[in-house]
C-alpha cells in the first residue's frame, strides 16, 4: 500500500517524522508538501521516503477572491477565543515588518466581520489545477492544520474513499477552521473526539481514536530512558514552561514568571526556577530581564537552525520535568505532558492586571485548558500569591498528583510502532 502524508510544520514535529519512518518500514510512503515547504521537508525526510510537490492551486482571480473572502468570513469554532488568539499569533509572527503590519491590519478587520462561511463551502469553490500525481496513492493522511486546501478540495471532488485527517494537537479542534465534514478523523482520546464533535460539528461516526503521536516520546522516556539518564541539574528546582509567542502576551507572561521567581525566593530560597522559553518565539531576547534574576536558570540549549529539536533534547526535557519539584505554566502541552511524570503540574492564573484588549486571562482560560486541566483539578490552579506560597511550601502534597492520575486514565501512552499501526 502507498500512503501519502500531507504535512505541515514538518521541521517542528519530530514525532510526525518518527511515525512516517515507522510506517515506511512496512509500506511505500510519500510526503507531500507545497514548493515553498520543500527545502524544510527534504532536510528532515526519513530514508526511503519520497517527497512529492503539491501543485493544485490555480493563480486565478476566482481563487484569489475566495481565499480573501474565506479568510475574512470563515466560520469560527464555538471556542472563538482560541480561534482569534491563534490568528493573532500567526499575524504577529510574520517575519518581515511590512508584511506583519499588513497581517495585523487584516486580522483586526477579520475580527470585526461576521463568521459564516463553512470550510466545505469554501473547498467546493476552489479551482484545482489537477497537476499533482495522485493515481498511485492508496491512502491520504493529512495532519492539522491542513497544509493545502486545494489538494483536499480535489480529493473530495474526486470522491477519493480513503482520506483521513489526524488532529495533531489537543488545541486544534478549538482554534482551527479546516475541518471538512466529508473526511474521517483520527484523534488522541475520547475527550478530543467530543471536542471535535462539539466545536466543529464533525459526526461521531467519522472519528476514531488512535492515540497521540506527541506522547510516544513519553512512552520511550518512561520505558527506556528514565532509568538510565543522569540528572541535568544538581540542585533542587521548580520548572516553568513558556507558552505564548504573541508579543503583548509574552510581556504579561514574563511578569507572571517574575512574580513566581520572587515568591520562590521569599518562600523557598533553597530552590531555583528553571525557565524553558517558548520554542516558536522568534526572539528570545525578550526574556533578558528574567535571566538577570539570581534564582532563575534558563533551559534554552535545545534551539536548532530551524524549529526541529534533537531527540536527545526531548528526552532531556522529560528528565528535567520528572526531577522538578513542580511544573508551572499558563497553558501549554508541557503542562499536560508533565502529568505522565511524577511531578505535579500547576496552571498559574494570577499576576496580571485587569485591562481592556488582549489579556493573559483569555489565554489561560482557553477551551482546552479549561476543560482538560482546570475543571479536572481545581486544586492545581493557583489564583493568588497566598495560594502560590502554599503550593511552594508543600509541593509534595499527594493531592496535587490527582491530576496526573486523571490525565493518565484519559490518555494511553503508546509506542511509535503502535501509533503508526493505528494510523496506517
Protein backbone atom coordinates (compact mmCIF):
# COMPACT_ATOMS: atom_id res chain seq x y z
CA UNK A 1 0.00 0.00 0.00
CA UNK A 2 1.24 3.51 -0.82
CA UNK A 3 0.36 6.11 1.79
CA UNK A 4 0.70 9.87 1.31
CA UNK A 5 1.32 12.03 4.36
CA UNK A 6 0.28 15.65 3.80
CA UNK A 7 2.27 17.55 6.38
CA UNK A 8 2.68 21.00 7.92
CA UNK A 9 5.38 22.22 10.33
CA UNK A 10 7.45 19.19 9.34
CA UNK A 11 10.65 20.55 10.91
CA UNK A 12 8.92 21.24 14.25
CA UNK A 13 7.16 17.89 14.64
CA UNK A 14 9.75 15.27 15.48
CA UNK A 15 7.02 12.77 16.30
CA UNK A 16 5.46 13.07 12.83
CA UNK A 17 8.82 12.24 11.24
CA UNK A 18 9.15 9.19 13.52
CA UNK A 19 5.65 7.99 12.61
CA UNK A 20 6.40 8.39 8.90
CA UNK A 21 9.69 6.48 9.23
CA UNK A 22 7.88 3.70 11.13
CA UNK A 23 5.12 3.43 8.52
CA UNK A 24 7.75 3.45 5.75
CA UNK A 25 9.18 0.23 7.20
CA UNK A 26 6.08 -1.63 6.04
CA UNK A 27 4.56 0.50 3.27
CA UNK A 28 5.53 2.79 0.44
CA UNK A 29 5.36 6.35 1.77
CA UNK A 30 5.16 9.72 0.06
CA UNK A 31 5.42 13.02 1.94
CA UNK A 32 3.52 15.76 0.16
CA UNK A 33 4.06 19.48 0.56
CA UNK A 34 3.97 22.74 -1.36
CA UNK A 35 7.01 24.02 -3.25
CA UNK A 36 7.72 26.66 -0.57
CA UNK A 37 7.96 23.87 2.04
CA UNK A 38 10.20 21.55 0.02
CA UNK A 39 13.59 22.58 1.43
CA UNK A 40 12.48 22.25 5.06
CA UNK A 41 10.81 18.89 4.38
CA UNK A 42 13.74 17.40 2.46
CA UNK A 43 16.13 18.45 5.24
CA UNK A 44 14.35 16.07 7.63
CA UNK A 45 12.93 13.48 5.23
CA UNK A 46 13.28 9.90 6.56
CA UNK A 47 15.23 7.38 4.48
CA UNK A 48 13.34 5.72 1.60
CA UNK A 49 10.55 8.28 1.72
CA UNK A 50 9.66 10.21 -1.42
CA UNK A 51 8.86 13.92 -1.47
CA UNK A 52 6.14 14.95 -3.90
CA UNK A 53 5.17 18.53 -4.60
CA UNK A 54 1.54 19.58 -4.30
CA UNK A 55 0.64 21.61 -7.38
CA UNK A 56 -3.10 22.21 -7.21
CA UNK A 57 -3.58 25.96 -6.86
CA UNK A 58 -4.58 27.86 -9.98
CA UNK A 59 -3.50 31.50 -9.83
CA UNK A 60 -6.84 32.89 -10.95
CA UNK A 61 -8.85 35.90 -9.84
CA UNK A 62 -11.60 33.50 -8.74
CA UNK A 63 -9.29 31.63 -6.36
CA UNK A 64 -7.71 34.83 -5.08
CA UNK A 65 -11.17 36.24 -4.38
CA UNK A 66 -12.30 33.15 -2.46
CA UNK A 67 -9.09 32.96 -0.45
CA UNK A 68 -9.65 36.52 0.75
CA UNK A 69 -13.38 36.10 1.32
CA UNK A 70 -12.87 32.92 3.29
CA UNK A 71 -10.10 34.43 5.41
CA UNK A 72 -12.37 37.30 6.43
CA UNK A 73 -15.71 35.49 6.81
CA UNK A 74 -14.86 31.84 7.60
CA UNK A 75 -17.00 30.15 10.23
CA UNK A 76 -15.11 30.06 13.53
CA UNK A 77 -15.28 27.17 16.00
CA UNK A 78 -17.53 27.64 19.00
CA UNK A 79 -14.38 28.29 21.05
CA UNK A 80 -13.95 31.69 19.36
CA UNK A 81 -11.37 33.00 21.81
CA UNK A 82 -8.94 30.21 20.86
CA UNK A 83 -9.50 30.94 17.18
CA UNK A 84 -8.74 34.66 17.49
CA UNK A 85 -5.67 34.04 19.66
CA UNK A 86 -4.28 31.68 17.01
CA UNK A 87 -4.93 34.15 14.20
CA UNK A 88 -3.25 36.93 16.18
CA UNK A 89 -0.25 34.67 16.83
CA UNK A 90 0.12 33.98 13.09
CA UNK A 91 -0.17 37.67 12.21
CA UNK A 92 2.25 38.75 14.96
CA UNK A 93 4.91 36.27 13.88
CA UNK A 94 5.14 37.29 10.25
CA UNK A 95 8.86 37.84 9.71
CA UNK A 96 9.03 41.00 7.56
CA UNK A 97 7.90 44.16 9.44
CA UNK A 98 5.91 45.46 6.47
CA UNK A 99 4.15 42.14 5.99
CA UNK A 100 3.50 41.93 9.74
CA UNK A 101 1.76 45.32 9.73
CA UNK A 102 -0.39 44.21 6.80
CA UNK A 103 -1.23 40.90 8.52
CA UNK A 104 -2.23 42.67 11.72
CA UNK A 105 -4.49 45.08 9.81
CA UNK A 106 -6.19 42.14 8.11
CA UNK A 107 -6.55 40.39 11.46
CA UNK A 108 -8.29 43.39 13.00
CA UNK A 109 -10.67 43.57 10.03
CA UNK A 110 -11.33 39.84 10.26
CA UNK A 111 -12.12 40.19 13.97
CA UNK A 112 -14.92 42.65 13.27
CA UNK A 113 -16.63 40.81 10.43
CA UNK A 114 -19.30 38.07 10.74
CA UNK A 115 -18.16 34.45 10.62
CA UNK A 116 -20.46 32.29 8.50
CA UNK A 117 -18.69 30.54 5.58
CA UNK A 118 -18.17 26.80 6.29
CA UNK A 119 -14.91 25.14 5.28
CA UNK A 120 -16.69 22.68 2.97
CA UNK A 121 -18.44 25.55 1.15
CA UNK A 122 -15.03 27.16 0.58
CA UNK A 123 -13.43 23.91 -0.63
CA UNK A 124 -16.20 23.49 -3.21
CA UNK A 125 -15.43 26.90 -4.73
CA UNK A 126 -11.70 26.46 -5.24
CA UNK A 127 -10.43 25.86 -8.75
CA UNK A 128 -7.92 22.99 -8.68
CA UNK A 129 -5.24 22.55 -11.30
CA UNK A 130 -5.18 18.75 -11.18
CA UNK A 131 -1.42 18.67 -11.76
CA UNK A 132 -0.41 16.67 -8.66
CA UNK A 133 0.25 12.98 -9.32
CA UNK A 134 -2.25 11.07 -7.18
CA UNK A 135 -3.22 7.95 -9.14
CA UNK A 136 -0.66 5.66 -7.48
CA UNK A 137 -1.61 6.60 -3.90
CA UNK A 138 -3.94 4.34 -1.91
CA UNK A 139 -4.42 6.42 1.24
CA UNK A 140 -4.04 10.08 2.19
CA UNK A 141 -3.32 11.15 5.75
CA UNK A 142 -3.41 14.89 6.45
CA UNK A 143 -2.14 16.48 9.66
CA UNK A 144 -3.82 19.56 11.06
CA UNK A 145 -3.60 22.33 10.19
CA UNK A 146 -4.29 21.34 6.57
CA UNK A 147 -1.18 22.08 4.50
CA UNK A 148 -3.03 22.61 1.22
CA UNK A 149 -6.75 23.30 0.88
CA UNK A 150 -6.63 22.78 -2.90
CA UNK A 151 -5.37 19.22 -2.57
CA UNK A 152 -8.09 18.35 -0.07
CA UNK A 153 -10.67 20.03 -2.31
CA UNK A 154 -9.57 17.89 -5.25
CA UNK A 155 -9.65 14.65 -3.24
CA UNK A 156 -13.17 15.38 -2.00
CA UNK A 157 -14.31 16.36 -5.51
CA UNK A 158 -12.89 13.15 -6.96
CA UNK A 159 -14.55 11.19 -4.14
CA UNK A 160 -11.35 9.52 -3.00
CA UNK A 161 -12.58 6.95 -0.44
CA UNK A 162 -9.53 6.85 1.87
CA UNK A 163 -8.80 10.33 3.20
CA UNK A 164 -8.13 10.78 6.91
CA UNK A 165 -7.11 13.84 8.94
CA UNK A 166 -5.06 13.32 12.08
CA UNK A 167 -5.87 16.03 14.63
CA UNK A 168 -2.33 16.69 15.74
CA UNK A 169 -2.82 18.62 18.98
CA UNK A 170 -5.34 18.88 21.81
CA UNK A 171 -5.99 22.57 20.98
CA UNK A 172 -6.56 22.13 17.23
CA UNK A 173 -10.33 21.47 17.45
CA UNK A 174 -10.55 24.71 19.45
CA UNK A 175 -8.59 27.07 17.19
CA UNK A 176 -8.56 25.88 13.57
CA UNK A 177 -11.23 26.17 10.89
CA UNK A 178 -10.01 23.46 8.48
CA UNK A 179 -12.42 20.64 9.37
CA UNK A 180 -14.39 19.16 6.48
CA UNK A 181 -17.41 17.00 7.27
CA UNK A 182 -16.63 14.79 4.25
CA UNK A 183 -13.49 13.03 5.52
CA UNK A 184 -12.61 10.89 8.52
CA UNK A 185 -10.60 11.92 11.57
CA UNK A 186 -8.13 10.37 13.99
CA UNK A 187 -7.77 11.86 17.48
CA UNK A 188 -5.90 11.27 20.75
CA UNK A 189 -8.74 10.21 23.03
CA UNK A 190 -12.48 10.33 23.80
CA UNK A 191 -12.22 13.91 25.09
CA UNK A 192 -10.80 15.17 21.81
CA UNK A 193 -13.39 13.22 19.86
CA UNK A 194 -16.06 15.02 21.86
CA UNK A 195 -14.32 18.38 21.26
CA UNK A 196 -14.29 17.76 17.52
CA UNK A 197 -17.97 16.90 17.56
CA UNK A 198 -18.94 19.76 19.87
CA UNK A 199 -16.79 22.57 18.43
CA UNK A 200 -16.55 21.61 14.74
CA UNK A 201 -19.78 19.62 14.21
CA UNK A 202 -17.92 16.54 12.94
CA UNK A 203 -20.22 13.49 13.27
CA UNK A 204 -19.01 10.99 15.87
CA UNK A 205 -19.16 8.15 13.30
CA UNK A 206 -16.35 9.86 11.34
CA UNK A 207 -13.94 10.00 14.30
CA UNK A 208 -11.69 7.21 15.55
CA UNK A 209 -9.22 7.14 18.43
CA UNK A 210 -5.62 6.28 17.56
CA UNK A 211 -3.64 7.77 20.44
CA UNK A 212 -1.27 10.75 20.48
CA UNK A 213 1.94 10.71 18.47
CA UNK A 214 3.26 13.51 20.71
CA UNK A 215 3.05 11.19 23.71
CA UNK A 216 5.07 8.40 22.06
CA UNK A 217 8.27 10.12 23.17
CA UNK A 218 6.94 9.98 26.75
CA UNK A 219 6.40 6.26 26.25
CA UNK A 220 10.05 5.96 25.20
CA UNK A 221 11.21 8.04 28.13
CA UNK A 222 9.27 6.03 30.70
CA UNK A 223 10.17 2.60 29.27
CA UNK A 224 13.75 3.14 28.10
CA UNK A 225 15.46 6.37 29.12
CA UNK A 226 14.17 7.33 32.56
CA UNK A 227 16.09 4.67 34.50
CA UNK A 228 19.43 5.39 32.86
CA UNK A 229 19.55 9.16 32.36
CA UNK A 230 21.64 11.32 34.67
CA UNK A 231 20.18 14.42 36.24
CA UNK A 232 20.85 17.59 34.27
CA UNK A 233 20.60 19.90 37.28
CA UNK A 234 22.32 19.01 40.56
CA UNK A 235 20.20 21.48 42.56
CA UNK A 236 16.53 21.39 43.67
CA UNK A 237 14.21 23.40 41.40
CA UNK A 238 10.76 24.08 40.04
CA UNK A 239 10.19 24.32 36.30
CA UNK A 240 8.26 26.85 34.18
CA UNK A 241 7.37 26.22 30.52
CA UNK A 242 6.66 29.34 28.46
CA UNK A 243 3.53 29.13 26.35
CA UNK A 244 2.92 32.19 24.19
CA UNK A 245 4.51 33.95 21.23
CA UNK A 246 2.13 36.92 20.90
CA UNK A 247 4.25 39.98 21.89
CA UNK A 248 1.66 41.59 24.18
CA UNK A 249 1.01 38.29 25.95
CA UNK A 250 4.72 37.47 26.20
CA UNK A 251 5.16 40.64 28.24
CA UNK A 252 2.36 39.58 30.58
CA UNK A 253 3.72 36.03 30.83
CA UNK A 254 7.16 37.39 31.80
CA UNK A 255 5.50 39.37 34.59
CA UNK A 256 3.95 36.14 35.90
CA UNK A 257 7.33 34.37 35.77
CA UNK A 258 8.94 37.25 37.67
CA UNK A 259 6.22 37.02 40.33
CA UNK A 260 6.87 33.26 40.60
CA UNK A 261 10.62 33.85 40.96
CA UNK A 262 10.12 36.49 43.64
CA UNK A 263 7.70 34.34 45.62
CA UNK A 264 10.05 31.38 45.30
CA UNK A 265 12.95 33.48 46.67
CA UNK A 266 10.77 34.51 49.63
CA UNK A 267 9.16 31.15 50.47
CA UNK A 268 11.73 28.62 49.24
CA UNK A 269 15.13 30.31 48.88
CA UNK A 270 16.68 26.82 48.65
CA UNK A 271 15.04 26.28 45.25
CA UNK A 272 15.75 27.69 41.82
CA UNK A 273 13.36 28.40 38.98
CA UNK A 274 14.25 26.74 35.67
CA UNK A 275 12.58 28.51 32.71
CA UNK A 276 12.10 26.93 29.29
CA UNK A 277 11.50 29.58 26.56
CA UNK A 278 8.67 29.15 24.10
CA UNK A 279 10.21 27.26 21.13
CA UNK A 280 8.28 29.14 18.43
CA UNK A 281 9.01 32.58 19.92
CA UNK A 282 11.39 34.11 17.35
CA UNK A 283 13.21 36.49 19.66
CA UNK A 284 14.41 35.01 22.94
CA UNK A 285 15.97 38.35 23.89
CA UNK A 286 12.58 39.30 25.33
CA UNK A 287 13.42 37.05 28.30
CA UNK A 288 16.51 39.15 29.11
CA UNK A 289 15.17 40.65 32.34
CA UNK A 290 14.42 37.16 33.70
CA UNK A 291 17.97 35.97 33.01
CA UNK A 292 19.25 38.62 35.41
CA UNK A 293 17.29 37.22 38.36
CA UNK A 294 19.57 35.37 40.77
CA UNK A 295 17.35 32.34 41.31
CA UNK A 296 16.44 31.82 37.63
CA UNK A 297 18.18 29.31 35.32
CA UNK A 298 17.29 29.09 31.61
CA UNK A 299 16.79 25.75 29.89
CA UNK A 300 17.48 27.03 26.37
CA UNK A 301 20.03 24.68 24.85
CA UNK A 302 17.56 22.96 22.54
CA UNK A 303 17.25 25.59 19.79
CA UNK A 304 18.37 24.41 16.35
CA UNK A 305 18.86 26.10 12.96
CA UNK A 306 15.14 25.61 12.33
CA UNK A 307 12.24 24.55 14.56
CA UNK A 308 13.44 20.97 14.86
CA UNK A 309 14.63 19.63 18.22
CA UNK A 310 17.12 16.77 18.54
CA UNK A 311 15.60 13.67 20.11
CA UNK A 312 18.13 13.66 22.95
CA UNK A 313 16.89 17.14 23.87
CA UNK A 314 13.33 15.83 24.03
CA UNK A 315 14.41 13.12 26.47
CA UNK A 316 16.30 15.75 28.49
CA UNK A 317 13.12 17.83 28.65
CA UNK A 318 11.24 14.93 30.22
CA UNK A 319 14.13 14.19 32.57
CA UNK A 320 14.17 17.81 33.75
CA UNK A 321 10.41 17.75 34.19
CA UNK A 322 10.50 14.46 36.08
CA UNK A 323 13.10 15.73 38.56
CA UNK A 324 11.39 19.08 39.18
CA UNK A 325 9.51 19.52 42.45
CA UNK A 326 6.70 21.19 40.49
CA UNK A 327 5.90 22.34 36.95
CA UNK A 328 4.19 25.70 36.37
CA UNK A 329 2.64 27.13 33.20
CA UNK A 330 -0.14 29.35 31.87
CA UNK A 331 -1.44 26.84 29.31
CA UNK A 332 0.92 24.60 27.33
CA UNK A 333 1.12 20.99 26.14
CA UNK A 334 4.08 20.61 28.52
CA UNK A 335 1.61 21.06 31.36
CA UNK A 336 -0.25 18.04 30.03
CA UNK A 337 2.94 16.03 29.38
CA UNK A 338 4.08 16.63 32.95
CA UNK A 339 1.11 14.59 34.13
CA UNK A 340 2.83 11.46 32.78
CA UNK A 341 5.77 12.02 35.13
CA UNK A 342 5.98 12.06 38.93
CA UNK A 343 5.83 15.88 39.03
CA UNK A 344 2.70 17.88 39.89
CA UNK A 345 1.55 20.33 37.20
CA UNK A 346 0.05 23.74 38.05
CA UNK A 347 -1.61 26.48 36.00
CA UNK A 348 -0.80 29.99 37.20
CA UNK A 349 -3.94 32.11 36.93
CA UNK A 350 -2.60 35.22 38.62
CA UNK A 351 -0.25 38.19 38.34
CA UNK A 352 -1.92 40.03 35.50
CA UNK A 353 -3.63 43.37 35.71
CA UNK A 354 -7.25 43.90 34.73
CA UNK A 355 -7.11 45.64 31.38
CA UNK A 356 -9.02 46.10 28.15
CA UNK A 357 -7.79 44.49 24.94
CA UNK A 358 -5.64 41.40 24.78
CA UNK A 359 -5.48 39.80 28.19
CA UNK A 360 -3.45 36.90 29.60
CA UNK A 361 -6.55 35.62 31.36
CA UNK A 362 -8.10 34.77 27.97
CA UNK A 363 -5.02 32.72 27.11
CA UNK A 364 -5.02 30.87 30.42
CA UNK A 365 -8.72 30.04 30.18
CA UNK A 366 -8.65 28.76 26.61
CA UNK A 367 -11.11 25.97 25.95
CA UNK A 368 -8.64 23.08 26.15
CA UNK A 369 -7.02 24.37 29.36
CA UNK A 370 -10.39 24.98 30.99
CA UNK A 371 -11.94 21.66 30.04
CA UNK A 372 -8.99 19.27 30.24
CA UNK A 373 -6.96 20.75 33.11
CA UNK A 374 -8.67 23.49 35.13
CA UNK A 375 -12.07 21.82 35.52
CA UNK A 376 -10.42 18.45 36.08
CA UNK A 377 -8.32 19.54 39.09
CA UNK A 378 -9.14 23.00 40.50
CA UNK A 379 -6.64 22.41 43.33
CA UNK A 380 -3.85 22.66 40.73
CA UNK A 381 -4.96 26.14 39.63
CA UNK A 382 -3.13 28.93 41.50
CA UNK A 383 -5.15 32.14 41.65
CA UNK A 384 -3.24 34.37 44.09
CA UNK A 385 0.11 34.82 45.83
CA UNK A 386 -1.13 33.19 49.00
CA UNK A 387 -2.06 30.01 47.12
CA UNK A 388 1.27 30.08 45.32
CA UNK A 389 3.14 30.35 48.62
CA UNK A 390 1.14 27.41 49.99
CA UNK A 391 1.98 25.25 46.96
CA UNK A 392 5.68 26.18 47.03
CA UNK A 393 5.80 25.28 50.71
CA UNK A 394 4.17 21.89 50.14
CA UNK A 395 4.89 20.70 46.57
CA UNK A 396 4.97 17.07 47.74
CA UNK A 397 1.34 17.02 48.86
CA UNK A 398 -0.27 13.98 47.23
CA UNK A 399 -3.49 15.86 46.45
CA UNK A 400 -1.65 17.66 43.64
CA UNK A 401 -0.92 14.36 41.87
CA UNK A 402 -4.63 13.61 41.38
CA UNK A 403 -4.44 15.49 38.08
CA UNK A 404 -1.64 13.19 36.92
CA UNK A 405 -3.75 10.12 37.61
CA UNK A 406 -6.79 11.56 35.84
CA UNK A 407 -4.80 12.53 32.74
CA UNK A 408 -3.16 9.11 32.62
CA UNK A 409 -6.58 7.45 32.78
CA UNK A 410 -7.80 9.52 29.82
CA UNK A 411 -4.70 9.09 27.63
CA UNK A 412 -2.97 5.83 26.88
CA UNK A 413 0.78 6.14 26.25
CA UNK A 414 1.53 4.20 23.08
CA UNK A 415 4.80 3.42 21.30
CA UNK A 416 5.62 4.86 17.89
CA UNK A 417 5.13 1.38 16.48
CA UNK A 418 1.59 1.14 17.86
CA UNK A 419 0.62 4.71 16.91
CA UNK A 420 1.91 4.13 13.39
CA UNK A 421 -0.03 0.89 13.12
CA UNK A 422 -3.20 2.63 14.30
CA UNK A 423 -2.79 5.40 11.72
CA UNK A 424 -1.74 3.21 8.81
